[in-house]
Amino acid sequence: MKAVSLTIPDVVLIEPKVFGDGRGFFFESFNQAGFEKAVNRSVRFVQDNHSRSMRHVLRGLHYQIQQPQGKLVRVVQGEVFDVAVDLRKSSPTFGQWVGQVLSAENKHQLWIPEGFAHGFTVLSDTAEFLYKTTDYYAPAYERCIRWDDITLNITWPAGIQPVLSAKDAGGVSFARAEVFD
């Protein structure tokens, strides 16, 4: 596995070693020891989630203000543009974002640690998205920042007319968002 720290160094792109031939492919999608070495810390995952979304569905920007979740995300069918926003006030990258294309084809994974908002938009007809979390879903602590916040100024792929849930359409601005110390 190859691990690459992005412009926000705590967010890590993981590129598995894929073995393929005319029969198909094989890769190790998760290895605890290798993952912890890649992110340079001990991590305990407690929950796996799986979602399926149609083209242009945009989910996010979500986070939990208490019981924050670190997330290891990947796409097993289709393609998404995935975004992480640093909400740690004490961080030198506070308020900055990184984005990566994740797809079934490239098999890349993204580690988004606790203290970040997360979102993605679907670039293919459909996409199936898997993620491991470091804490349990806690709806009472869930928060949402607007995907199109002018302060964050996320460069989403051109030509997307996002399909949003009511919760995501009602997200708050970054200026009004609860953040981490």
Protein backbone atom coordinates (compact mmCIF):
# COMPACT_ATOMS: atom_id res chain seq x y z
CA MET A 1 0.00 0.00 0.00
CA LYS A 2 1.13 3.52 -0.78
CA ALA A 3 0.08 6.33 1.57
CA VAL A 4 0.23 9.97 0.46
CA SER A 5 -0.44 12.90 2.82
CA LEU A 6 -2.42 15.58 1.00
CA THR A 7 -2.22 19.38 1.33
CA ILE A 8 -3.86 18.91 4.72
CA PRO A 9 -1.26 16.43 6.02
CA ASP A 10 -3.62 14.55 8.39
CA VAL A 11 -5.80 13.55 5.42
CA VAL A 12 -4.15 10.56 3.74
CA LEU A 13 -4.78 9.08 0.30
CA ILE A 14 -4.26 5.33 0.38
CA GLU A 15 -3.45 3.52 -2.86
CA PRO A 16 -3.60 -0.26 -2.43
CA LYS A 17 -1.32 -2.58 -4.34
CA VAL A 18 -3.56 -4.26 -6.91
CA PHE A 19 -2.71 -7.59 -8.53
CA GLY A 20 -4.57 -8.17 -11.78
CA ASP A 21 -4.58 -10.36 -14.85
CA GLY A 22 -7.07 -11.65 -17.39
CA ARG A 23 -9.10 -13.31 -14.64
CA GLY A 24 -9.70 -10.12 -12.66
CA PHE A 25 -7.91 -8.53 -9.71
CA PHE A 26 -7.06 -8.93 -6.05
CA PHE A 27 -6.07 -6.37 -3.44
CA GLU A 28 -6.00 -6.12 0.31
CA SER A 29 -8.63 -3.48 1.06
CA PHE A 30 -7.75 -3.14 4.74
CA ASN A 31 -4.88 -4.19 6.97
CA GLN A 32 -4.90 -2.78 10.51
CA ALA A 33 -1.12 -2.70 10.98
CA GLY A 34 -0.47 -1.23 7.52
CA PHE A 35 -3.19 1.37 7.97
CA GLU A 36 -1.91 2.50 11.37
CA LYS A 37 1.60 2.83 9.96
CA ALA A 38 0.23 4.90 7.05
CA VAL A 39 -1.65 7.34 9.31
CA ASN A 40 0.98 7.24 12.06
CA ARG A 41 -1.43 6.50 14.91
CA SER A 42 -3.52 3.80 16.51
CA VAL A 43 -7.07 3.65 15.15
CA ARG A 44 -10.04 1.55 16.24
CA PHE A 45 -12.97 1.24 13.85
CA VAL A 46 -16.41 0.48 15.33
CA GLN A 47 -18.85 0.78 12.44
CA ASP A 48 -18.99 0.13 8.68
CA ASN A 49 -21.44 2.01 6.44
CA HIS A 50 -22.50 1.45 2.82
CA SER A 51 -24.45 3.93 0.71
CA ARG A 52 -25.64 3.95 -2.88
CA SER A 53 -26.35 7.21 -4.67
CA MET A 54 -27.37 8.38 -8.12
CA ARG A 55 -25.50 10.81 -10.41
CA HIS A 56 -25.08 14.31 -8.94
CA VAL A 57 -26.29 13.34 -5.47
CA LEU A 58 -24.24 15.42 -3.06
CA ARG A 59 -23.99 14.25 0.55
CA GLY A 60 -22.45 16.58 3.10
CA LEU A 61 -20.69 18.36 4.52
CA HIS A 62 -21.32 16.21 7.61
CA TYR A 63 -19.62 15.81 10.99
CA GLN A 64 -20.44 15.07 14.61
CA ILE A 65 -19.53 17.80 17.12
CA GLN A 66 -19.39 15.17 19.89
CA GLN A 67 -18.36 11.57 19.28
CA PRO A 68 -16.47 12.78 16.19
CA GLN A 69 -15.88 10.13 13.57
CA GLY A 70 -12.67 9.44 11.74
CA LYS A 71 -13.57 7.86 8.39
CA LEU A 72 -11.78 5.56 5.99
CA VAL A 73 -13.77 5.89 2.75
CA ARG A 74 -13.75 4.13 -0.61
CA VAL A 75 -15.92 3.53 -3.66
CA VAL A 76 -16.70 -0.03 -4.80
CA GLN A 77 -18.89 0.90 -7.77
CA GLY A 78 -18.83 4.12 -9.76
CA GLU A 79 -16.97 7.36 -9.08
CA VAL A 80 -17.24 10.26 -6.63
CA PHE A 81 -15.49 13.52 -5.83
CA ASP A 82 -14.77 13.31 -2.11
CA VAL A 83 -14.08 16.33 0.14
CA ALA A 84 -12.70 16.81 3.67
CA VAL A 85 -12.81 20.18 5.48
CA ASP A 86 -10.60 20.87 8.52
CA LEU A 87 -12.79 22.07 11.42
CA ARG A 88 -10.05 21.99 14.09
CA LYS A 89 -9.67 25.61 15.23
CA SER A 90 -6.16 24.92 16.59
CA SER A 91 -4.97 23.49 13.25
CA PRO A 92 -2.84 25.51 10.80
CA THR A 93 -5.16 24.22 8.05
CA PHE A 94 -8.41 25.24 9.81
CA GLY A 95 -11.08 26.07 7.23
CA GLN A 96 -9.16 24.50 4.35
CA TRP A 97 -10.41 21.61 2.23
CA VAL A 98 -8.99 18.82 0.10
CA GLY A 99 -10.77 16.85 -2.60
CA GLN A 100 -10.01 13.59 -4.39
CA VAL A 101 -11.68 11.46 -7.03
CA LEU A 102 -12.36 8.01 -5.61
CA SER A 103 -13.59 5.27 -7.90
CA ALA A 104 -14.04 1.54 -8.26
CA GLU A 105 -11.44 1.77 -11.00
CA ASN A 106 -8.66 3.55 -9.07
CA LYS A 107 -9.49 1.71 -5.79
CA HIS A 108 -8.12 4.64 -3.76
CA GLN A 109 -9.20 5.23 -0.18
CA LEU A 110 -9.20 8.41 1.84
CA TRP A 111 -8.50 8.67 5.57
CA ILE A 112 -10.38 11.61 7.08
CA PRO A 113 -9.55 11.95 10.79
CA GLU A 114 -11.81 13.18 13.56
CA GLY A 115 -12.35 16.94 13.46
CA PHE A 116 -13.22 17.16 9.77
CA ALA A 117 -16.45 17.67 7.85
CA HIS A 118 -16.93 15.22 5.00
CA GLY A 119 -18.94 15.20 1.79
CA PHE A 120 -18.99 13.79 -1.71
CA THR A 121 -20.81 14.09 -5.02
CA VAL A 122 -21.45 11.27 -7.45
CA LEU A 123 -19.82 11.61 -10.89
CA SER A 124 -21.05 8.33 -12.42
CA ASP A 125 -24.61 7.09 -13.05
CA THR A 126 -24.52 5.47 -9.61
CA ALA A 127 -21.90 4.96 -6.92
CA GLU A 128 -21.59 2.64 -3.96
CA PHE A 129 -19.60 4.17 -1.14
CA LEU A 130 -18.16 2.25 1.83
CA TYR A 131 -16.67 3.72 4.96
CA LYS A 132 -15.36 2.64 8.30
CA THR A 133 -15.86 4.98 11.29
CA THR A 134 -14.00 5.38 14.57
CA ASP A 135 -17.14 6.18 16.56
CA TYR A 136 -20.82 5.37 16.33
CA TYR A 137 -23.38 7.47 14.51
CA ALA A 138 -24.90 9.92 16.99
CA PRO A 139 -27.72 11.89 15.32
CA ALA A 140 -28.04 14.31 18.26
CA TYR A 141 -24.49 15.54 17.54
CA GLU A 142 -24.62 15.50 13.75
CA ARG A 143 -24.01 18.83 12.04
CA CYS A 144 -24.03 19.93 8.40
CA ILE A 145 -22.22 22.78 6.66
CA ARG A 146 -23.50 24.03 3.30
CA TRP A 147 -21.76 22.35 0.39
CA ASP A 148 -21.58 25.69 -1.45
CA ASP A 149 -20.35 27.84 1.44
CA ILE A 150 -18.68 30.95 0.04
CA THR A 151 -15.95 31.06 2.70
CA LEU A 152 -14.85 27.46 2.08
CA ASN A 153 -15.11 27.99 -1.70
CA ILE A 154 -14.88 24.28 -2.52
CA THR A 155 -14.18 23.66 -6.20
CA TRP A 156 -16.74 20.96 -6.97
CA PRO A 157 -16.59 19.40 -10.45
CA ALA A 158 -18.02 21.67 -13.15
CA GLY A 159 -21.54 21.19 -14.44
CA ILE A 160 -22.95 19.50 -11.34
CA GLN A 161 -26.48 20.47 -10.34
CA PRO A 162 -26.47 18.76 -6.94
CA VAL A 163 -29.33 16.61 -5.73
CA LEU A 164 -29.57 17.28 -1.98
CA SER A 165 -31.47 15.85 0.96
CA ALA A 166 -33.52 18.30 3.04
CA LYS A 167 -30.86 18.03 5.77
CA ASP A 168 -28.05 18.93 3.37
CA ALA A 169 -30.04 21.75 1.76
CA GLY A 170 -30.49 23.21 5.27
CA GLY A 171 -26.80 23.15 6.18
CA VAL A 172 -25.35 26.18 7.96
CA SER A 173 -22.60 28.46 6.72
CA PHE A 174 -19.03 27.80 7.78
CA ALA A 175 -19.12 31.08 9.76
CA ARG A 176 -22.04 29.74 11.85
CA ALA A 177 -20.78 26.16 12.16
CA GLU A 178 -19.76 24.61 15.45
CA VAL A 179 -16.10 23.65 15.23
CA PHE A 180 -13.53 21.74 17.27
CA ASP A 181 -11.02 23.41 19.63
